[in-house]
Amino acid sequence: MALTSSTRGRRPAGTPPGEPRRVAYLYILPAFAVYAAFLLFPIGRAVQFSLYDWDGLTLGRWIGLGNYAAIAADEGLRAAFGHAAVLVAFYALLPLAVGLILAAVLNHAKVRGLGFFRTVVFLPQVIAMVVVAVAWRRVYAPDGGLNDVLRAVGLDALTRGWLGDYTFALPAVGVVGTWFESGLVTVLLLAGMSRVPLELYEAARLDGAGAVREFFAVTLPSVRGEIAVALTLTVIAALRTFDLVYVTTRGGPGDSTSVPSFEVYRRAFELGQVGSAAAVGVTLTAIIFVVSFAVNRLADRGGSR
């Protein structure tokens, strides 16, 4: 029986609207091809290299998971991952605390010129990290700005070569990360707080809530999504930081500021241990994925309550 014009375009009952799924896959194929070529394929090759003892020039020797076992046994590499964990506190947790306080105060007080303030605090994000590292290296130098300030206020005993001190080198690098990331976190949280309905604040005030209780009862739950985004971006930045360490300390003094991404560079291009470097890179990628997934799962779970 021939189909009439009224039934030719009709879908069977229960069929979802839109194009068939096989047609939808064709729409995402170009983007997926680019993603696979520039991300999935390099990751796959890195995994392959990590299974070999290879110097990048001669024929590699299959060792299976030997490079990963060496990572677990190498005290220096374990220390590098520990340093990355310390930087997470400086890159993510401290900027989050600073950003929450600044954003809450600015949003609550309705400061004039807020757009200009957002531009100023976000400014470090548009500066190349190499430039930031060079500038802060000069600040931390023995004759740099930080020591000049300490001498000016009579604290000469505290002056030191900050980036050459075994105790203070890693925190000094971390402070740069705090300065760099705080603006991004503040802007993200300000954007989230500006969308909180005023009725929620009015209801909290009618219930007798003060500024602190209002923050924890209304503001903080309302920006859970922005907090998750901020933590994801800053944690990733902390774990993959390379240029800041390379320019300021090159992992020194000793190995006190070495981090996994710097170890990837050092092993691949200085020591000729490409297989080991690939194993470190793959391990770092897996850690970043797990941490990012955990942060977003916690945010989703908290938002669904």
C-alpha atoms as a PDB file:
ATOM      1  CA  MET A   1       0.000   0.000   0.000  1.00  0.00           C
ATOM      2  CA  ALA A   2       1.397   3.387  -0.961  1.00  0.00           C
ATOM      3  CA  LEU A   3       2.102   5.821   1.864  1.00  0.00           C
ATOM      4  CA  THR A   4       0.152   9.037   1.824  1.00  0.00           C
ATOM      5  CA  SER A   5       1.818  12.407   2.383  1.00  0.00           C
ATOM      6  CA  SER A   6       0.401  12.547   5.902  1.00  0.00           C
ATOM      7  CA  THR A   7       1.927   9.193   6.983  1.00  0.00           C
ATOM      8  CA  ARG A   8       5.250   9.302   5.094  1.00  0.00           C
ATOM      9  CA  GLY A   9       6.981  11.552   7.663  1.00  0.00           C
ATOM     10  CA  ARG A  10       5.268  10.069  10.713  1.00  0.00           C
ATOM     11  CA  ARG A  11       7.485   8.267  13.278  1.00  0.00           C
ATOM     12  CA  PRO A  12       6.532   4.935  14.818  1.00  0.00           C
ATOM     13  CA  ALA A  13       5.037   5.211  18.296  1.00  0.00           C
ATOM     14  CA  GLY A  14       7.637   5.328  21.074  1.00  0.00           C
ATOM     15  CA  THR A  15      10.459   6.526  18.815  1.00  0.00           C
ATOM     16  CA  PRO A  16      12.388   9.491  20.310  1.00  0.00           C
ATOM     17  CA  PRO A  17      12.274  12.740  18.329  1.00  0.00           C
ATOM     18  CA  GLY A  18      15.167  13.966  16.233  1.00  0.00           C
ATOM     19  CA  GLU A  19      17.578  12.210  13.897  1.00  0.00           C
ATOM     20  CA  PRO A  20      18.323   8.491  14.299  1.00  0.00           C
ATOM     21  CA  ARG A  21      21.252   7.727  16.579  1.00  0.00           C
ATOM     22  CA  ARG A  22      23.465   6.545  13.720  1.00  0.00           C
ATOM     23  CA  VAL A  23      23.006   9.918  12.047  1.00  0.00           C
ATOM     24  CA  ALA A  24      23.824  11.749  15.299  1.00  0.00           C
ATOM     25  CA  TYR A  25      27.149   9.899  15.451  1.00  0.00           C
ATOM     26  CA  LEU A  26      28.027  11.380  12.063  1.00  0.00           C
ATOM     27  CA  TYR A  27      27.628  14.895  13.500  1.00  0.00           C
ATOM     28  CA  ILE A  28      30.176  14.274  16.264  1.00  0.00           C
ATOM     29  CA  LEU A  29      32.575  12.307  14.058  1.00  0.00           C
ATOM     30  CA  PRO A  30      34.684  15.332  12.900  1.00  0.00           C
ATOM     31  CA  ALA A  31      35.178  16.587  16.474  1.00  0.00           C
ATOM     32  CA  PHE A  32      35.924  13.080  17.705  1.00  0.00           C
ATOM     33  CA  ALA A  33      38.463  12.565  14.913  1.00  0.00           C
ATOM     34  CA  VAL A  34      40.348  15.726  15.977  1.00  0.00           C
ATOM     35  CA  TYR A  35      40.102  14.680  19.646  1.00  0.00           C
ATOM     36  CA  ALA A  36      41.415  11.219  18.844  1.00  0.00           C
ATOM     37  CA  ALA A  37      44.265  12.494  16.663  1.00  0.00           C
ATOM     38  CA  PHE A  38      45.564  15.063  19.123  1.00  0.00           C
ATOM     39  CA  LEU A  39      44.742  13.463  22.486  1.00  0.00           C
ATOM     40  CA  LEU A  40      43.803   9.780  22.413  1.00  0.00           C
ATOM     41  CA  PHE A  41      46.512   8.754  19.948  1.00  0.00           C
ATOM     42  CA  PRO A  42      49.351  10.539  21.838  1.00  0.00           C
ATOM     43  CA  ILE A  43      48.132   9.027  25.127  1.00  0.00           C
ATOM     44  CA  GLY A  44      48.076   5.595  23.516  1.00  0.00           C
ATOM     45  CA  ARG A  45      51.619   6.039  22.208  1.00  0.00           C
ATOM     46  CA  ALA A  46      52.775   7.217  25.631  1.00  0.00           C
ATOM     47  CA  VAL A  47      51.306   4.087  27.187  1.00  0.00           C
ATOM     48  CA  GLN A  48      53.140   2.028  24.560  1.00  0.00           C
ATOM     49  CA  PHE A  49      56.468   3.780  25.220  1.00  0.00           C
ATOM     50  CA  SER A  50      56.031   3.312  28.966  1.00  0.00           C
ATOM     51  CA  LEU A  51      56.247  -0.462  28.507  1.00  0.00           C
ATOM     52  CA  TYR A  52      59.762  -0.261  27.044  1.00  0.00           C
ATOM     53  CA  ASP A  53      63.228   0.550  28.283  1.00  0.00           C
ATOM     54  CA  TRP A  54      63.980   3.092  25.552  1.00  0.00           C
ATOM     55  CA  ASP A  55      66.337   6.038  25.216  1.00  0.00           C
ATOM     56  CA  GLY A  56      64.480   7.592  22.274  1.00  0.00           C
ATOM     57  CA  LEU A  57      67.196   6.715  19.744  1.00  0.00           C
ATOM     58  CA  THR A  58      68.127   3.054  19.776  1.00  0.00           C
ATOM     59  CA  LEU A  59      65.859   0.009  19.665  1.00  0.00           C
ATOM     60  CA  GLY A  60      63.711  -0.270  22.784  1.00  0.00           C
ATOM     61  CA  ARG A  61      63.564  -3.334  25.038  1.00  0.00           C
ATOM     62  CA  TRP A  62      60.221  -4.637  26.291  1.00  0.00           C
ATOM     63  CA  ILE A  63      60.007  -4.577  30.092  1.00  0.00           C
ATOM     64  CA  GLY A  64      56.247  -4.584  30.621  1.00  0.00           C
ATOM     65  CA  LEU A  65      55.278  -2.811  33.820  1.00  0.00           C
ATOM     66  CA  GLY A  66      58.894  -2.433  34.912  1.00  0.00           C
ATOM     67  CA  ASN A  67      58.854   1.346  34.566  1.00  0.00           C
ATOM     68  CA  TYR A  68      55.758   1.585  36.761  1.00  0.00           C
ATOM     69  CA  ALA A  69      57.347  -0.644  39.368  1.00  0.00           C
ATOM     70  CA  ALA A  70      60.387   1.631  39.290  1.00  0.00           C
ATOM     71  CA  ILE A  71      58.170   4.643  39.961  1.00  0.00           C
ATOM     72  CA  ALA A  72      56.816   2.996  43.106  1.00  0.00           C
ATOM     73  CA  ALA A  73      60.325   2.029  44.234  1.00  0.00           C
ATOM     74  CA  ASP A  74      62.072   5.313  43.366  1.00  0.00           C
ATOM     75  CA  GLU A  75      62.180   7.531  46.438  1.00  0.00           C
ATOM     76  CA  GLY A  76      62.906  10.614  44.339  1.00  0.00           C
ATOM     77  CA  LEU A  77      59.856  10.055  42.162  1.00  0.00           C
ATOM     78  CA  ARG A  78      57.649   9.442  45.185  1.00  0.00           C
ATOM     79  CA  ALA A  79      58.945  12.724  46.594  1.00  0.00           C
ATOM     80  CA  ALA A  80      58.082  14.491  43.306  1.00  0.00           C
ATOM     81  CA  PHE A  81      54.483  13.304  43.562  1.00  0.00           C
ATOM     82  CA  GLY A  82      54.474  14.428  47.194  1.00  0.00           C
ATOM     83  CA  HIS A  83      55.637  17.884  46.129  1.00  0.00           C
ATOM     84  CA  ALA A  84      52.771  17.996  43.617  1.00  0.00           C
ATOM     85  CA  ALA A  85      50.359  17.218  46.459  1.00  0.00           C
ATOM     86  CA  VAL A  86      51.806  20.140  48.443  1.00  0.00           C
ATOM     87  CA  LEU A  87      51.317  22.413  45.434  1.00  0.00           C
ATOM     88  CA  VAL A  88      47.654  21.346  45.276  1.00  0.00           C
ATOM     89  CA  ALA A  89      47.191  23.056  48.644  1.00  0.00           C
ATOM     90  CA  PHE A  90      48.757  26.259  47.298  1.00  0.00           C
ATOM     91  CA  TYR A  91      47.157  26.152  43.838  1.00  0.00           C
ATOM     92  CA  ALA A  92      43.675  24.950  44.797  1.00  0.00           C
ATOM     93  CA  LEU A  93      42.802  25.045  48.500  1.00  0.00           C
ATOM     94  CA  LEU A  94      44.289  28.436  49.405  1.00  0.00           C
ATOM     95  CA  PRO A  95      42.906  30.175  46.282  1.00  0.00           C
ATOM     96  CA  LEU A  96      39.501  28.629  47.035  1.00  0.00           C
ATOM     97  CA  ALA A  97      39.548  30.034  50.572  1.00  0.00           C
ATOM     98  CA  VAL A  98      40.733  33.443  49.356  1.00  0.00           C
ATOM     99  CA  GLY A  99      38.243  33.438  46.485  1.00  0.00           C
ATOM    100  CA  LEU A 100      35.292  32.532  48.711  1.00  0.00           C
ATOM    101  CA  ILE A 101      36.086  35.311  51.171  1.00  0.00           C
ATOM    102  CA  LEU A 102      36.725  37.960  48.502  1.00  0.00           C
ATOM    103  CA  ALA A 103      33.738  36.994  46.379  1.00  0.00           C
ATOM    104  CA  ALA A 104      31.373  36.866  49.373  1.00  0.00           C
ATOM    105  CA  VAL A 105      32.497  40.257  50.674  1.00  0.00           C
ATOM    106  CA  LEU A 106      32.354  41.918  47.271  1.00  0.00           C
ATOM    107  CA  ASN A 107      28.999  40.380  46.387  1.00  0.00           C
ATOM    108  CA  HIS A 108      27.486  41.203  49.779  1.00  0.00           C
ATOM    109  CA  ALA A 109      28.809  44.769  49.861  1.00  0.00           C
ATOM    110  CA  LYS A 110      27.901  45.479  46.210  1.00  0.00           C
ATOM    111  CA  VAL A 111      31.178  47.326  45.653  1.00  0.00           C
ATOM    112  CA  ARG A 112      31.203  49.954  42.938  1.00  0.00           C
ATOM    113  CA  GLY A 113      33.512  49.269  40.018  1.00  0.00           C
ATOM    114  CA  LEU A 114      33.119  45.518  40.383  1.00  0.00           C
ATOM    115  CA  GLY A 115      33.743  44.992  36.667  1.00  0.00           C
ATOM    116  CA  PHE A 116      37.101  46.746  36.923  1.00  0.00           C
ATOM    117  CA  PHE A 117      38.002  44.678  39.984  1.00  0.00           C
ATOM    118  CA  ARG A 118      37.196  41.461  38.126  1.00  0.00           C
ATOM    119  CA  THR A 119      39.471  42.543  35.307  1.00  0.00           C
ATOM    120  CA  VAL A 120      42.328  43.322  37.693  1.00  0.00           C
ATOM    121  CA  VAL A 121      42.151  40.069  39.663  1.00  0.00           C
ATOM    122  CA  PHE A 122      41.807  38.022  36.472  1.00  0.00           C
ATOM    123  CA  LEU A 123      44.789  39.746  34.857  1.00  0.00           C
ATOM    124  CA  PRO A 124      47.400  37.117  35.893  1.00  0.00           C
ATOM    125  CA  GLN A 125      45.508  34.544  33.833  1.00  0.00           C
ATOM    126  CA  VAL A 126      46.319  36.352  30.585  1.00  0.00           C
ATOM    127  CA  ILE A 127      50.041  36.551  31.385  1.00  0.00           C
ATOM    128  CA  ALA A 128      52.212  33.666  30.229  1.00  0.00           C
ATOM    129  CA  MET A 129      53.433  31.580  33.159  1.00  0.00           C
ATOM    130  CA  VAL A 130      57.014  31.951  31.943  1.00  0.00           C
ATOM    131  CA  VAL A 131      56.700  35.723  32.332  1.00  0.00           C
ATOM    132  CA  VAL A 132      55.161  35.260  35.780  1.00  0.00           C
ATOM    133  CA  ALA A 133      58.004  32.921  36.762  1.00  0.00           C
ATOM    134  CA  VAL A 134      60.702  35.358  35.627  1.00  0.00           C
ATOM    135  CA  ALA A 135      59.071  38.210  37.549  1.00  0.00           C
ATOM    136  CA  TRP A 136      58.686  36.201  40.754  1.00  0.00           C
ATOM    137  CA  ARG A 137      62.211  34.842  40.474  1.00  0.00           C
ATOM    138  CA  ARG A 138      63.374  38.423  40.638  1.00  0.00           C
ATOM    139  CA  VAL A 139      61.112  39.100  43.651  1.00  0.00           C
ATOM    140  CA  TYR A 140      62.595  36.110  45.484  1.00  0.00           C
ATOM    141  CA  ALA A 141      66.223  36.904  44.601  1.00  0.00           C
ATOM    142  CA  PRO A 142      68.647  37.715  47.480  1.00  0.00           C
ATOM    143  CA  ASP A 143      68.604  41.360  46.368  1.00  0.00           C
ATOM    144  CA  GLY A 144      64.967  41.202  45.244  1.00  0.00           C
ATOM    145  CA  GLY A 145      61.848  43.002  46.336  1.00  0.00           C
ATOM    146  CA  LEU A 146      60.800  40.618  49.112  1.00  0.00           C
ATOM    147  CA  ASN A 147      64.110  40.885  50.948  1.00  0.00           C
ATOM    148  CA  ASP A 148      64.125  44.658  50.434  1.00  0.00           C
ATOM    149  CA  VAL A 149      60.745  44.888  52.172  1.00  0.00           C
ATOM    150  CA  LEU A 150      61.948  42.705  55.051  1.00  0.00           C
ATOM    151  CA  ARG A 151      65.039  44.868  55.500  1.00  0.00           C
ATOM    152  CA  ALA A 152      62.929  48.016  55.396  1.00  0.00           C
ATOM    153  CA  VAL A 153      60.789  46.832  58.317  1.00  0.00           C
ATOM    154  CA  GLY A 154      63.756  45.629  60.354  1.00  0.00           C
ATOM    155  CA  LEU A 155      63.416  41.893  59.698  1.00  0.00           C
ATOM    156  CA  ASP A 156      66.878  41.400  58.248  1.00  0.00           C
ATOM    157  CA  ALA A 157      67.181  38.008  59.958  1.00  0.00           C
ATOM    158  CA  LEU A 158      64.401  36.632  57.755  1.00  0.00           C
ATOM    159  CA  THR A 159      66.053  37.549  54.465  1.00  0.00           C
ATOM    160  CA  ARG A 160      67.367  34.675  52.383  1.00  0.00           C
ATOM    161  CA  GLY A 161      67.646  33.375  48.866  1.00  0.00           C
ATOM    162  CA  TRP A 162      64.119  31.988  48.922  1.00  0.00           C
ATOM    163  CA  LEU A 163      64.371  29.776  45.837  1.00  0.00           C
ATOM    164  CA  GLY A 164      67.702  28.356  46.990  1.00  0.00           C
ATOM    165  CA  ASP A 165      66.536  27.402  50.464  1.00  0.00           C
ATOM    166  CA  TYR A 166      65.687  23.721  50.999  1.00  0.00           C
ATOM    167  CA  THR A 167      62.920  24.589  53.451  1.00  0.00           C
ATOM    168  CA  PHE A 168      61.276  27.533  51.710  1.00  0.00           C
ATOM    169  CA  ALA A 169      61.800  26.835  47.994  1.00  0.00           C
ATOM    170  CA  LEU A 170      58.659  24.710  47.530  1.00  0.00           C
ATOM    171  CA  PRO A 171      56.369  27.014  49.545  1.00  0.00           C
ATOM    172  CA  ALA A 172      57.812  29.976  47.613  1.00  0.00           C
ATOM    173  CA  VAL A 173      56.848  28.305  44.333  1.00  0.00           C
ATOM    174  CA  GLY A 174      53.438  27.482  45.817  1.00  0.00           C
ATOM    175  CA  VAL A 175      52.793  31.110  46.779  1.00  0.00           C
ATOM    176  CA  VAL A 176      53.209  32.063  43.122  1.00  0.00           C
ATOM    177  CA  GLY A 177      50.515  29.514  42.281  1.00  0.00           C
ATOM    178  CA  THR A 178      48.239  30.962  44.968  1.00  0.00           C
ATOM    179  CA  TRP A 179      48.673  34.462  43.545  1.00  0.00           C
ATOM    180  CA  PHE A 180      48.112  33.215  40.004  1.00  0.00           C
ATOM    181  CA  GLU A 181      44.985  31.133  40.667  1.00  0.00           C
ATOM    182  CA  SER A 182      43.189  33.307  43.244  1.00  0.00           C
ATOM    183  CA  GLY A 183      41.904  35.720  40.620  1.00  0.00           C
ATOM    184  CA  LEU A 184      40.420  32.953  38.484  1.00  0.00           C
ATOM    185  CA  VAL A 185      38.672  31.384  41.467  1.00  0.00           C
ATOM    186  CA  THR A 186      37.353  34.752  42.671  1.00  0.00           C
ATOM    187  CA  VAL A 187      35.865  35.600  39.269  1.00  0.00           C
ATOM    188  CA  LEU A 188      34.231  32.177  38.959  1.00  0.00           C
ATOM    189  CA  LEU A 189      32.683  32.441  42.422  1.00  0.00           C
ATOM    190  CA  LEU A 190      31.556  36.033  41.871  1.00  0.00           C
ATOM    191  CA  ALA A 191      29.736  34.930  38.729  1.00  0.00           C
ATOM    192  CA  GLY A 192      28.026  32.149  40.670  1.00  0.00           C
ATOM    193  CA  MET A 193      27.077  34.350  43.622  1.00  0.00           C
ATOM    194  CA  SER A 194      25.592  37.001  41.346  1.00  0.00           C
ATOM    195  CA  ARG A 195      23.018  34.434  40.169  1.00  0.00           C
ATOM    196  CA  VAL A 196      21.792  33.506  43.658  1.00  0.00           C
ATOM    197  CA  PRO A 197      18.157  34.737  44.020  1.00  0.00           C
ATOM    198  CA  LEU A 198      17.845  37.612  46.461  1.00  0.00           C
ATOM    199  CA  GLU A 199      14.740  35.954  47.910  1.00  0.00           C
ATOM    200  CA  LEU A 200      16.961  33.295  49.498  1.00  0.00           C
ATOM    201  CA  TYR A 201      18.962  35.940  51.362  1.00  0.00           C
ATOM    202  CA  GLU A 202      15.795  37.712  52.452  1.00  0.00           C
ATOM    203  CA  ALA A 203      14.338  34.460  53.761  1.00  0.00           C
ATOM    204  CA  ALA A 204      17.547  33.734  55.676  1.00  0.00           C
ATOM    205  CA  ARG A 205      17.479  37.200  57.247  1.00  0.00           C
ATOM    206  CA  LEU A 206      13.834  36.729  58.274  1.00  0.00           C
ATOM    207  CA  ASP A 207      14.920  33.542  60.044  1.00  0.00           C
ATOM    208  CA  GLY A 208      17.471  35.596  61.982  1.00  0.00           C
ATOM    209  CA  ALA A 209      20.573  34.483  60.100  1.00  0.00           C
ATOM    210  CA  GLY A 210      23.652  36.657  60.411  1.00  0.00           C
ATOM    211  CA  ALA A 211      26.271  37.216  57.718  1.00  0.00           C
ATOM    212  CA  VAL A 212      28.259  34.074  58.584  1.00  0.00           C
ATOM    213  CA  ARG A 213      25.242  31.776  58.794  1.00  0.00           C
ATOM    214  CA  GLU A 214      23.849  33.328  55.623  1.00  0.00           C
ATOM    215  CA  PHE A 215      27.099  32.482  53.846  1.00  0.00           C
ATOM    216  CA  PHE A 216      27.071  28.819  54.919  1.00  0.00           C
ATOM    217  CA  ALA A 217      23.317  28.329  54.501  1.00  0.00           C
ATOM    218  CA  VAL A 218      22.695  30.174  51.242  1.00  0.00           C
ATOM    219  CA  THR A 219      25.825  31.298  49.421  1.00  0.00           C
ATOM    220  CA  LEU A 220      28.021  28.218  49.767  1.00  0.00           C
ATOM    221  CA  PRO A 221      25.417  25.643  48.632  1.00  0.00           C
ATOM    222  CA  SER A 222      24.421  27.872  45.710  1.00  0.00           C
ATOM    223  CA  VAL A 223      27.943  28.009  44.246  1.00  0.00           C
ATOM    224  CA  ARG A 224      28.747  24.302  44.621  1.00  0.00           C
ATOM    225  CA  GLY A 225      29.009  23.953  40.841  1.00  0.00           C
ATOM    226  CA  GLU A 226      31.415  26.878  40.538  1.00  0.00           C
ATOM    227  CA  ILE A 227      33.502  25.461  43.392  1.00  0.00           C
ATOM    228  CA  ALA A 228      33.754  22.145  41.543  1.00  0.00           C
ATOM    229  CA  VAL A 229      34.873  23.906  38.356  1.00  0.00           C
ATOM    230  CA  ALA A 230      37.412  26.011  40.248  1.00  0.00           C
ATOM    231  CA  LEU A 231      38.828  22.995  42.087  1.00  0.00           C
ATOM    232  CA  THR A 232      39.057  20.972  38.887  1.00  0.00           C
ATOM    233  CA  LEU A 233      40.943  23.710  37.029  1.00  0.00           C
ATOM    234  CA  THR A 234      43.291  24.559  39.885  1.00  0.00           C
ATOM    235  CA  VAL A 235      44.066  20.967  40.877  1.00  0.00           C
ATOM    236  CA  ILE A 236      44.920  20.141  37.267  1.00  0.00           C
ATOM    237  CA  ALA A 237      47.120  23.248  37.108  1.00  0.00           C
ATOM    238  CA  ALA A 238      48.913  22.175  40.301  1.00  0.00           C
ATOM    239  CA  LEU A 239      49.546  18.611  39.167  1.00  0.00           C
ATOM    240  CA  ARG A 240      50.786  19.492  35.698  1.00  0.00           C
ATOM    241  CA  THR A 241      52.826  22.572  36.601  1.00  0.00           C
ATOM    242  CA  PHE A 242      56.126  22.594  34.741  1.00  0.00           C
ATOM    243  CA  ASP A 243      57.073  25.998  33.394  1.00  0.00           C
ATOM    244  CA  LEU A 244      57.006  27.679  36.809  1.00  0.00           C
ATOM    245  CA  VAL A 245      59.319  25.068  38.340  1.00  0.00           C
ATOM    246  CA  TYR A 246      61.547  24.966  35.270  1.00  0.00           C
ATOM    247  CA  VAL A 247      62.130  28.731  35.187  1.00  0.00           C
ATOM    248  CA  THR A 248      62.390  29.384  38.918  1.00  0.00           C
ATOM    249  CA  THR A 249      64.226  26.398  40.414  1.00  0.00           C
ATOM    250  CA  ARG A 250      64.710  23.611  37.807  1.00  0.00           C
ATOM    251  CA  GLY A 251      63.661  21.214  40.544  1.00  0.00           C
ATOM    252  CA  GLY A 252      66.230  22.450  43.042  1.00  0.00           C
ATOM    253  CA  PRO A 253      67.823  22.986  45.392  1.00  0.00           C
ATOM    254  CA  GLY A 254      68.588  19.299  45.149  1.00  0.00           C
ATOM    255  CA  ASP A 255      65.234  17.733  44.328  1.00  0.00           C
ATOM    256  CA  SER A 256      63.238  19.782  46.831  1.00  0.00           C
ATOM    257  CA  THR A 257      60.938  21.320  44.199  1.00  0.00           C
ATOM    258  CA  SER A 258      60.909  18.529  41.639  1.00  0.00           C
ATOM    259  CA  VAL A 259      57.400  17.634  40.425  1.00  0.00           C
ATOM    260  CA  PRO A 260      56.175  14.844  38.109  1.00  0.00           C
ATOM    261  CA  SER A 261      55.865  17.012  35.000  1.00  0.00           C
ATOM    262  CA  PHE A 262      59.427  18.267  35.466  1.00  0.00           C
ATOM    263  CA  GLU A 263      60.573  14.668  35.944  1.00  0.00           C
ATOM    264  CA  VAL A 264      58.976  13.785  32.599  1.00  0.00           C
ATOM    265  CA  TYR A 265      61.060  16.484  30.912  1.00  0.00           C
ATOM    266  CA  ARG A 266      64.260  15.661  32.809  1.00  0.00           C
ATOM    267  CA  ARG A 267      64.105  11.937  32.181  1.00  0.00           C
ATOM    268  CA  ALA A 268      63.138  12.235  28.516  1.00  0.00           C
ATOM    269  CA  PHE A 269      65.426  15.056  27.383  1.00  0.00           C
ATOM    270  CA  GLU A 270      68.290  15.103  29.882  1.00  0.00           C
ATOM    271  CA  LEU A 271      68.699  11.495  31.026  1.00  0.00           C
ATOM    272  CA  GLY A 272      67.501   9.739  27.865  1.00  0.00           C
ATOM    273  CA  GLN A 273      64.978   7.598  29.774  1.00  0.00           C
ATOM    274  CA  VAL A 274      62.002   7.993  27.456  1.00  0.00           C
ATOM    275  CA  GLY A 275      60.219   4.875  28.674  1.00  0.00           C
ATOM    276  CA  SER A 276      60.478   5.969  32.300  1.00  0.00           C
ATOM    277  CA  ALA A 277      59.355   9.492  31.406  1.00  0.00           C
ATOM    278  CA  ALA A 278      56.332   8.089  29.573  1.00  0.00           C
ATOM    279  CA  ALA A 279      55.432   5.977  32.612  1.00  0.00           C
ATOM    280  CA  VAL A 280      55.588   9.059  34.857  1.00  0.00           C
ATOM    281  CA  GLY A 281      53.423  10.982  32.390  1.00  0.00           C
ATOM    282  CA  VAL A 282      50.839   8.205  32.156  1.00  0.00           C
ATOM    283  CA  THR A 283      50.719   7.890  35.948  1.00  0.00           C
ATOM    284  CA  LEU A 284      50.259  11.642  36.302  1.00  0.00           C
ATOM    285  CA  THR A 285      47.476  11.618  33.681  1.00  0.00           C
ATOM    286  CA  ALA A 286      45.690   8.834  35.555  1.00  0.00           C
ATOM    287  CA  ILE A 287      45.960  10.733  38.846  1.00  0.00           C
ATOM    288  CA  ILE A 288      44.591  13.919  37.255  1.00  0.00           C
ATOM    289  CA  PHE A 289      41.673  11.972  35.775  1.00  0.00           C
ATOM    290  CA  VAL A 290      40.843  10.301  39.094  1.00  0.00           C
ATOM    291  CA  VAL A 291      41.043  13.545  41.074  1.00  0.00           C
ATOM    292  CA  SER A 292      38.940  15.472  38.540  1.00  0.00           C
ATOM    293  CA  PHE A 293      36.359  12.685  38.448  1.00  0.00           C
ATOM    294  CA  ALA A 294      36.198  12.557  42.243  1.00  0.00           C
ATOM    295  CA  VAL A 295      35.753  16.335  42.568  1.00  0.00           C
ATOM    296  CA  ASN A 296      32.909  16.397  40.060  1.00  0.00           C
ATOM    297  CA  ARG A 297      31.220  13.319  41.556  1.00  0.00           C
ATOM    298  CA  LEU A 298      31.293  14.891  45.005  1.00  0.00           C
ATOM    299  CA  ALA A 299      29.854  18.118  43.611  1.00  0.00           C
ATOM    300  CA  ASP A 300      27.081  16.250  41.777  1.00  0.00           C
ATOM    301  CA  ARG A 301      26.250  14.189  44.850  1.00  0.00           C
ATOM    302  CA  GLY A 302      26.104  17.269  47.046  1.00  0.00           C
ATOM    303  CA  GLY A 303      23.957  19.133  44.522  1.00  0.00           C
ATOM    304  CA  SER A 304      21.411  16.308  44.322  1.00  0.00           C
ATOM    305  CA  ARG A 305      20.591  16.400  48.037  1.00  0.00           C
END
